[in-house]
Amino acid sequence: MKRLITLTITSFLTLGTIVSAAVDWQTSYDTALAKAKKDNKLVMIDLYTDWCGWCKKLDKDTYSDKDVEAKLTKDFVAVKLNPEKSAENAKLSQRFGTTGYPHIVFINSAGNKVSEIGGYLPPKDFLKELESISDKATKK
């Protein structure tokens, strides 16, 4: 009985940690921008396609890293946009100068580009970029 209670408590604690660390991915640029204005955060736009192998690797390895998830949740509003799925997303992709995928663009709450990452980065390198981008934004 004691083991069952311990196991149950551990399961709830673990589940709570997983749920709280997960990135709240937006699927609308306008919604993400409004949320960034409200929360005083930067927007990270992940421009991807369904056929992009590096995009899938970024999802699987980098975005699932607990430190990357924590940083994204704390300092950014994250949005995933597929330019091949809507005309609006295609226009945004053109506006931000996308020439390949994945293309990660960082904008301020006014919609101005402040930085970008072209291509895949492993978790540690991606985290360093996130820290650099958020540090520069807070110094202004």
N, C-alpha and C. Protein backbone atom coordinates (compact mmCIF):
# COMPACT_ATOMS: atom_id res chain seq x y z
N MET A 1 0.83 -1.20 0.00
CA MET A 1 0.00 0.00 0.00
C MET A 1 0.88 1.27 0.00
N LYS A 2 1.94 1.23 0.80
CA LYS A 2 2.84 2.37 0.88
C LYS A 2 3.50 2.63 -0.48
N ARG A 3 3.86 1.55 -1.17
CA ARG A 3 4.47 1.68 -2.50
C ARG A 3 3.49 2.29 -3.49
N LEU A 4 2.24 1.89 -3.40
CA LEU A 4 1.21 2.40 -4.30
C LEU A 4 1.02 3.90 -4.10
N ILE A 5 0.98 4.34 -2.86
CA ILE A 5 0.82 5.76 -2.57
C ILE A 5 2.03 6.54 -3.08
N THR A 6 3.22 6.02 -2.83
CA THR A 6 4.44 6.68 -3.30
C THR A 6 4.46 6.77 -4.82
N LEU A 7 4.10 5.68 -5.47
CA LEU A 7 4.07 5.65 -6.93
C LEU A 7 3.05 6.65 -7.48
N THR A 8 1.89 6.72 -6.86
CA THR A 8 0.84 7.65 -7.30
C THR A 8 1.30 9.10 -7.15
N ILE A 9 1.88 9.43 -6.01
CA ILE A 9 2.35 10.80 -5.78
C ILE A 9 3.46 11.15 -6.77
N THR A 10 4.39 10.24 -6.98
CA THR A 10 5.48 10.46 -7.92
C THR A 10 4.93 10.67 -9.34
N SER A 11 3.95 9.89 -9.71
CA SER A 11 3.35 10.02 -11.05
C SER A 11 2.72 11.39 -11.23
N PHE A 12 1.98 11.87 -10.24
CA PHE A 12 1.35 13.18 -10.33
C PHE A 12 2.38 14.30 -10.39
N LEU A 13 3.44 14.19 -9.61
CA LEU A 13 4.48 15.20 -9.62
C LEU A 13 5.19 15.25 -10.97
N THR A 14 5.49 14.08 -11.51
CA THR A 14 6.14 14.00 -12.81
C THR A 14 5.23 14.56 -13.90
N LEU A 15 3.98 14.20 -13.88
CA LEU A 15 3.02 14.68 -14.86
C LEU A 15 2.90 16.20 -14.77
N GLY A 16 2.85 16.73 -13.58
CA GLY A 16 2.76 18.17 -13.39
C GLY A 16 3.96 18.89 -13.96
N THR A 17 5.14 18.33 -13.80
CA THR A 17 6.36 18.92 -14.34
C THR A 17 6.33 18.92 -15.85
N ILE A 18 5.90 17.83 -16.44
CA ILE A 18 5.84 17.72 -17.90
C ILE A 18 4.84 18.72 -18.46
N VAL A 19 3.67 18.79 -17.87
CA VAL A 19 2.63 19.68 -18.36
C VAL A 19 3.05 21.14 -18.25
N SER A 20 3.66 21.51 -17.12
CA SER A 20 4.01 22.91 -16.92
C SER A 20 5.16 23.36 -17.83
N ALA A 21 6.01 22.44 -18.25
CA ALA A 21 7.16 22.81 -19.07
C ALA A 21 6.83 22.86 -20.56
N ALA A 22 5.72 22.28 -20.96
CA ALA A 22 5.40 22.21 -22.38
C ALA A 22 5.17 23.61 -22.98
N VAL A 23 5.65 23.79 -24.18
CA VAL A 23 5.50 25.05 -24.90
C VAL A 23 4.06 25.15 -25.41
N ASP A 24 3.46 26.29 -25.21
CA ASP A 24 2.10 26.55 -25.69
C ASP A 24 2.19 27.08 -27.12
N TRP A 25 2.33 26.16 -28.08
CA TRP A 25 2.51 26.54 -29.48
C TRP A 25 1.24 27.17 -30.02
N GLN A 26 1.39 28.34 -30.58
CA GLN A 26 0.29 29.01 -31.25
C GLN A 26 0.30 28.59 -32.72
N THR A 27 -0.83 28.74 -33.38
CA THR A 27 -0.91 28.40 -34.81
C THR A 27 -1.36 29.60 -35.65
N SER A 28 -1.50 30.74 -35.00
CA SER A 28 -1.91 31.97 -35.68
C SER A 28 -0.93 33.08 -35.35
N TYR A 29 -0.43 33.73 -36.38
CA TYR A 29 0.50 34.86 -36.22
C TYR A 29 -0.16 35.97 -35.41
N ASP A 30 -1.38 36.33 -35.77
CA ASP A 30 -2.08 37.43 -35.09
C ASP A 30 -2.31 37.12 -33.61
N THR A 31 -2.69 35.90 -33.31
CA THR A 31 -2.90 35.50 -31.92
C THR A 31 -1.59 35.56 -31.14
N ALA A 32 -0.51 35.08 -31.75
CA ALA A 32 0.80 35.10 -31.09
C ALA A 32 1.25 36.54 -30.84
N LEU A 33 1.05 37.40 -31.80
CA LEU A 33 1.45 38.79 -31.65
C LEU A 33 0.66 39.48 -30.54
N ALA A 34 -0.63 39.23 -30.50
CA ALA A 34 -1.48 39.80 -29.44
C ALA A 34 -1.05 39.30 -28.06
N LYS A 35 -0.74 38.01 -27.98
CA LYS A 35 -0.28 37.42 -26.71
C LYS A 35 1.06 38.02 -26.30
N ALA A 36 1.95 38.24 -27.26
CA ALA A 36 3.26 38.83 -26.97
C ALA A 36 3.11 40.25 -26.44
N LYS A 37 2.20 41.01 -27.02
CA LYS A 37 1.95 42.37 -26.54
C LYS A 37 1.42 42.34 -25.12
N LYS A 38 0.48 41.45 -24.87
CA LYS A 38 -0.13 41.34 -23.54
C LYS A 38 0.89 40.91 -22.48
N ASP A 39 1.74 39.93 -22.83
CA ASP A 39 2.69 39.35 -21.87
C ASP A 39 4.08 40.00 -21.91
N ASN A 40 4.26 40.98 -22.80
CA ASN A 40 5.55 41.66 -22.97
C ASN A 40 6.68 40.67 -23.27
N LYS A 41 6.46 39.87 -24.31
CA LYS A 41 7.44 38.85 -24.73
C LYS A 41 7.76 39.03 -26.20
N LEU A 42 8.82 38.37 -26.63
CA LEU A 42 9.14 38.27 -28.05
C LEU A 42 8.32 37.13 -28.65
N VAL A 43 8.15 37.16 -29.96
CA VAL A 43 7.50 36.06 -30.66
C VAL A 43 8.57 35.27 -31.41
N MET A 44 8.53 33.96 -31.26
CA MET A 44 9.40 33.09 -32.05
C MET A 44 8.51 32.39 -33.07
N ILE A 45 8.78 32.66 -34.34
CA ILE A 45 8.00 32.07 -35.43
C ILE A 45 8.82 30.96 -36.07
N ASP A 46 8.31 29.75 -36.00
CA ASP A 46 8.95 28.60 -36.65
C ASP A 46 8.25 28.39 -37.99
N LEU A 47 8.93 28.79 -39.06
CA LEU A 47 8.42 28.57 -40.42
C LEU A 47 8.94 27.21 -40.89
N TYR A 48 8.03 26.31 -41.18
CA TYR A 48 8.38 24.93 -41.48
C TYR A 48 7.52 24.40 -42.62
N THR A 49 7.86 23.22 -43.10
CA THR A 49 7.00 22.51 -44.05
C THR A 49 6.87 21.06 -43.59
N ASP A 50 5.85 20.39 -44.08
CA ASP A 50 5.62 18.99 -43.69
C ASP A 50 6.70 18.05 -44.22
N TRP A 51 7.32 18.40 -45.34
CA TRP A 51 8.31 17.52 -45.98
C TRP A 51 9.74 17.76 -45.48
N CYS A 52 9.94 18.76 -44.65
CA CYS A 52 11.27 19.16 -44.21
C CYS A 52 11.80 18.25 -43.10
N GLY A 53 12.84 17.48 -43.42
CA GLY A 53 13.44 16.57 -42.46
C GLY A 53 14.09 17.28 -41.29
N TRP A 54 14.77 18.40 -41.54
CA TRP A 54 15.41 19.16 -40.47
C TRP A 54 14.37 19.79 -39.55
N CYS A 55 13.21 20.15 -40.09
CA CYS A 55 12.12 20.69 -39.27
C CYS A 55 11.64 19.63 -38.28
N LYS A 56 11.51 18.41 -38.77
CA LYS A 56 11.07 17.30 -37.91
C LYS A 56 12.11 17.01 -36.83
N LYS A 57 13.39 17.09 -37.19
CA LYS A 57 14.46 16.87 -36.22
C LYS A 57 14.46 17.98 -35.17
N LEU A 58 14.19 19.21 -35.59
CA LEU A 58 14.10 20.33 -34.66
C LEU A 58 12.97 20.09 -33.65
N ASP A 59 11.82 19.63 -34.15
CA ASP A 59 10.69 19.30 -33.27
C ASP A 59 11.06 18.19 -32.29
N LYS A 60 11.64 17.14 -32.82
CA LYS A 60 11.92 15.93 -32.03
C LYS A 60 13.03 16.14 -31.01
N ASP A 61 14.12 16.76 -31.42
CA ASP A 61 15.30 16.86 -30.55
C ASP A 61 15.40 18.18 -29.78
N THR A 62 15.18 19.28 -30.46
CA THR A 62 15.46 20.59 -29.87
C THR A 62 14.27 21.13 -29.08
N TYR A 63 13.10 21.18 -29.70
CA TYR A 63 11.94 21.74 -29.00
C TYR A 63 11.49 20.87 -27.83
N SER A 64 11.85 19.60 -27.83
CA SER A 64 11.46 18.72 -26.73
C SER A 64 12.46 18.73 -25.58
N ASP A 65 13.59 19.40 -25.76
CA ASP A 65 14.59 19.51 -24.70
C ASP A 65 14.01 20.34 -23.55
N LYS A 66 14.14 19.87 -22.32
CA LYS A 66 13.50 20.53 -21.18
C LYS A 66 14.01 21.95 -20.96
N ASP A 67 15.29 22.20 -21.20
CA ASP A 67 15.83 23.55 -21.01
C ASP A 67 15.34 24.51 -22.10
N VAL A 68 15.24 24.01 -23.32
CA VAL A 68 14.70 24.82 -24.42
C VAL A 68 13.23 25.12 -24.16
N GLU A 69 12.47 24.10 -23.75
CA GLU A 69 11.05 24.30 -23.43
C GLU A 69 10.88 25.36 -22.35
N ALA A 70 11.69 25.28 -21.30
CA ALA A 70 11.58 26.23 -20.19
C ALA A 70 11.87 27.66 -20.65
N LYS A 71 12.90 27.83 -21.46
CA LYS A 71 13.28 29.16 -21.96
C LYS A 71 12.19 29.72 -22.88
N LEU A 72 11.69 28.88 -23.78
CA LEU A 72 10.63 29.33 -24.68
C LEU A 72 9.39 29.74 -23.90
N THR A 73 9.02 28.94 -22.92
CA THR A 73 7.83 29.23 -22.12
C THR A 73 7.99 30.52 -21.32
N LYS A 74 9.18 30.75 -20.80
CA LYS A 74 9.42 31.92 -19.95
C LYS A 74 9.49 33.23 -20.75
N ASP A 75 10.20 33.24 -21.87
CA ASP A 75 10.54 34.49 -22.54
C ASP A 75 9.92 34.72 -23.92
N PHE A 76 9.25 33.73 -24.47
CA PHE A 76 8.77 33.85 -25.85
C PHE A 76 7.33 33.37 -25.98
N VAL A 77 6.66 33.88 -27.00
CA VAL A 77 5.41 33.30 -27.48
C VAL A 77 5.80 32.56 -28.75
N ALA A 78 5.61 31.26 -28.76
CA ALA A 78 6.04 30.42 -29.88
C ALA A 78 4.87 30.14 -30.82
N VAL A 79 5.14 30.26 -32.11
CA VAL A 79 4.12 29.99 -33.12
C VAL A 79 4.74 29.19 -34.25
N LYS A 80 4.03 28.18 -34.72
CA LYS A 80 4.47 27.36 -35.85
C LYS A 80 3.59 27.70 -37.05
N LEU A 81 4.24 28.06 -38.16
CA LEU A 81 3.51 28.42 -39.38
C LEU A 81 4.06 27.66 -40.57
N ASN A 82 3.17 27.03 -41.31
CA ASN A 82 3.55 26.32 -42.52
C ASN A 82 3.14 27.17 -43.72
N PRO A 83 4.10 27.76 -44.43
CA PRO A 83 3.78 28.63 -45.57
C PRO A 83 3.05 27.93 -46.72
N GLU A 84 3.09 26.61 -46.72
CA GLU A 84 2.42 25.87 -47.78
C GLU A 84 0.95 25.59 -47.46
N LYS A 85 0.52 25.99 -46.26
CA LYS A 85 -0.86 25.68 -45.85
C LYS A 85 -1.83 26.85 -45.98
N SER A 86 -1.31 28.07 -46.09
CA SER A 86 -2.22 29.22 -46.27
C SER A 86 -1.50 30.37 -46.95
N ALA A 87 -2.28 31.18 -47.62
CA ALA A 87 -1.74 32.36 -48.31
C ALA A 87 -1.15 33.34 -47.29
N GLU A 88 -1.80 33.48 -46.14
CA GLU A 88 -1.31 34.39 -45.10
C GLU A 88 0.07 33.95 -44.61
N ASN A 89 0.24 32.66 -44.37
CA ASN A 89 1.54 32.14 -43.93
C ASN A 89 2.60 32.31 -45.02
N ALA A 90 2.21 32.13 -46.27
CA ALA A 90 3.14 32.31 -47.38
C ALA A 90 3.61 33.77 -47.46
N LYS A 91 2.70 34.71 -47.25
CA LYS A 91 3.06 36.13 -47.27
C LYS A 91 4.02 36.46 -46.12
N LEU A 92 3.76 35.90 -44.95
CA LEU A 92 4.65 36.12 -43.81
C LEU A 92 6.03 35.56 -44.09
N SER A 93 6.08 34.39 -44.70
CA SER A 93 7.35 33.76 -45.05
C SER A 93 8.15 34.65 -46.00
N GLN A 94 7.47 35.21 -47.00
CA GLN A 94 8.12 36.13 -47.92
C GLN A 94 8.58 37.39 -47.20
N ARG A 95 7.73 37.92 -46.36
CA ARG A 95 8.05 39.15 -45.61
C ARG A 95 9.32 38.97 -44.77
N PHE A 96 9.49 37.77 -44.19
CA PHE A 96 10.64 37.52 -43.32
C PHE A 96 11.85 36.97 -44.09
N GLY A 97 11.73 36.85 -45.41
CA GLY A 97 12.87 36.46 -46.24
C GLY A 97 13.25 35.00 -46.16
N THR A 98 12.28 34.14 -45.98
CA THR A 98 12.55 32.71 -45.89
C THR A 98 13.05 32.17 -47.22
N THR A 99 14.21 31.51 -47.19
CA THR A 99 14.75 30.88 -48.40
C THR A 99 14.95 29.39 -48.21
N GLY A 100 14.74 28.90 -47.00
CA GLY A 100 14.87 27.48 -46.70
C GLY A 100 14.22 27.19 -45.35
N TYR A 101 14.11 25.91 -45.05
CA TYR A 101 13.44 25.48 -43.83
C TYR A 101 14.33 24.56 -43.02
N PRO A 102 14.22 24.59 -41.71
CA PRO A 102 13.40 25.51 -40.93
C PRO A 102 14.00 26.92 -40.91
N HIS A 103 13.12 27.88 -40.78
CA HIS A 103 13.52 29.28 -40.64
C HIS A 103 12.81 29.82 -39.40
N ILE A 104 13.58 30.14 -38.39
CA ILE A 104 13.02 30.62 -37.14
C ILE A 104 13.27 32.12 -37.06
N VAL A 105 12.18 32.87 -36.95
CA VAL A 105 12.25 34.33 -36.93
C VAL A 105 11.77 34.82 -35.57
N PHE A 106 12.48 35.79 -35.04
CA PHE A 106 12.13 36.39 -33.76
C PHE A 106 11.70 37.82 -34.02
N ILE A 107 10.52 38.17 -33.51
CA ILE A 107 10.01 39.53 -33.69
C ILE A 107 9.61 40.10 -32.33
N ASN A 108 9.61 41.43 -32.26
CA ASN A 108 9.12 42.07 -31.05
C ASN A 108 7.61 42.21 -31.14
N SER A 109 7.00 42.74 -30.10
CA SER A 109 5.54 42.81 -30.07
C SER A 109 4.97 43.83 -31.06
N ALA A 110 5.83 44.63 -31.69
CA ALA A 110 5.39 45.54 -32.75
C ALA A 110 5.44 44.86 -34.12
N GLY A 111 5.95 43.63 -34.17
CA GLY A 111 6.02 42.88 -35.42
C GLY A 111 7.31 43.06 -36.19
N ASN A 112 8.30 43.71 -35.59
CA ASN A 112 9.58 43.93 -36.26
C ASN A 112 10.57 42.80 -35.98
N LYS A 113 11.23 42.35 -37.04
CA LYS A 113 12.20 41.26 -36.90
C LYS A 113 13.40 41.74 -36.09
N VAL A 114 13.76 40.95 -35.07
CA VAL A 114 14.92 41.28 -34.24
C VAL A 114 16.06 40.29 -34.41
N SER A 115 15.74 39.08 -34.88
CA SER A 115 16.77 38.07 -35.11
C SER A 115 16.17 36.90 -35.89
N GLU A 116 17.03 35.98 -36.29
CA GLU A 116 16.56 34.79 -36.99
C GLU A 116 17.59 33.68 -36.89
N ILE A 117 17.12 32.46 -37.08
CA ILE A 117 17.98 31.29 -37.16
C ILE A 117 17.59 30.56 -38.43
N GLY A 118 18.55 30.33 -39.29
CA GLY A 118 18.29 29.59 -40.52
C GLY A 118 18.81 28.18 -40.39
N GLY A 119 17.92 27.22 -40.35
CA GLY A 119 18.33 25.83 -40.28
C GLY A 119 18.22 25.24 -38.88
N TYR A 120 18.64 24.00 -38.80
CA TYR A 120 18.57 23.23 -37.56
C TYR A 120 19.72 23.57 -36.62
N LEU A 121 19.42 23.63 -35.33
CA LEU A 121 20.44 23.72 -34.30
C LEU A 121 20.11 22.68 -33.23
N PRO A 122 21.13 21.99 -32.70
CA PRO A 122 20.88 21.06 -31.60
C PRO A 122 20.49 21.86 -30.34
N PRO A 123 19.91 21.18 -29.35
CA PRO A 123 19.37 21.88 -28.17
C PRO A 123 20.31 22.87 -27.50
N LYS A 124 21.54 22.50 -27.22
CA LYS A 124 22.45 23.41 -26.50
C LYS A 124 22.73 24.68 -27.30
N ASP A 125 22.96 24.53 -28.60
CA ASP A 125 23.22 25.69 -29.46
C ASP A 125 21.97 26.56 -29.61
N PHE A 126 20.81 25.91 -29.72
CA PHE A 126 19.55 26.65 -29.84
C PHE A 126 19.29 27.44 -28.57
N LEU A 127 19.54 26.83 -27.42
CA LEU A 127 19.34 27.50 -26.14
C LEU A 127 20.25 28.73 -26.02
N LYS A 128 21.49 28.61 -26.47
CA LYS A 128 22.41 29.75 -26.44
C LYS A 128 21.86 30.90 -27.29
N GLU A 129 21.31 30.56 -28.45
CA GLU A 129 20.72 31.59 -29.32
C GLU A 129 19.52 32.24 -28.64
N LEU A 130 18.66 31.43 -28.01
CA LEU A 130 17.50 31.98 -27.32
C LEU A 130 17.93 32.94 -26.21
N GLU A 131 18.94 32.55 -25.46
CA GLU A 131 19.43 33.39 -24.37
C GLU A 131 20.00 34.70 -24.91
N SER A 132 20.76 34.61 -25.98
CA SER A 132 21.34 35.81 -26.58
C SER A 132 20.24 36.76 -27.10
N ILE A 133 19.26 36.21 -27.76
CA ILE A 133 18.16 37.01 -28.32
C ILE A 133 17.34 37.67 -27.21
N SER A 134 17.01 36.92 -26.18
CA SER A 134 16.21 37.52 -25.09
C SER A 134 17.03 38.53 -24.30
N ASP A 135 18.34 38.29 -24.13
CA ASP A 135 19.19 39.24 -23.42
C ASP A 135 19.27 40.57 -24.19
N LYS A 136 19.44 40.49 -25.50
CA LYS A 136 19.52 41.71 -26.32
C LYS A 136 18.21 42.48 -26.25
N ALA A 137 17.09 41.77 -26.25
CA ALA A 137 15.77 42.41 -26.23
C ALA A 137 15.52 43.13 -24.90
N THR A 138 16.00 42.56 -23.81
CA THR A 138 15.76 43.17 -22.50
C THR A 138 16.70 44.34 -22.22
N LYS A 139 17.80 44.42 -22.96
CA LYS A 139 18.76 45.52 -22.76
C LYS A 139 18.33 46.79 -23.47
N LYS A 140 17.38 46.68 -24.38
CA LYS A 140 16.95 47.86 -25.14
C LYS A 140 16.00 48.71 -24.34
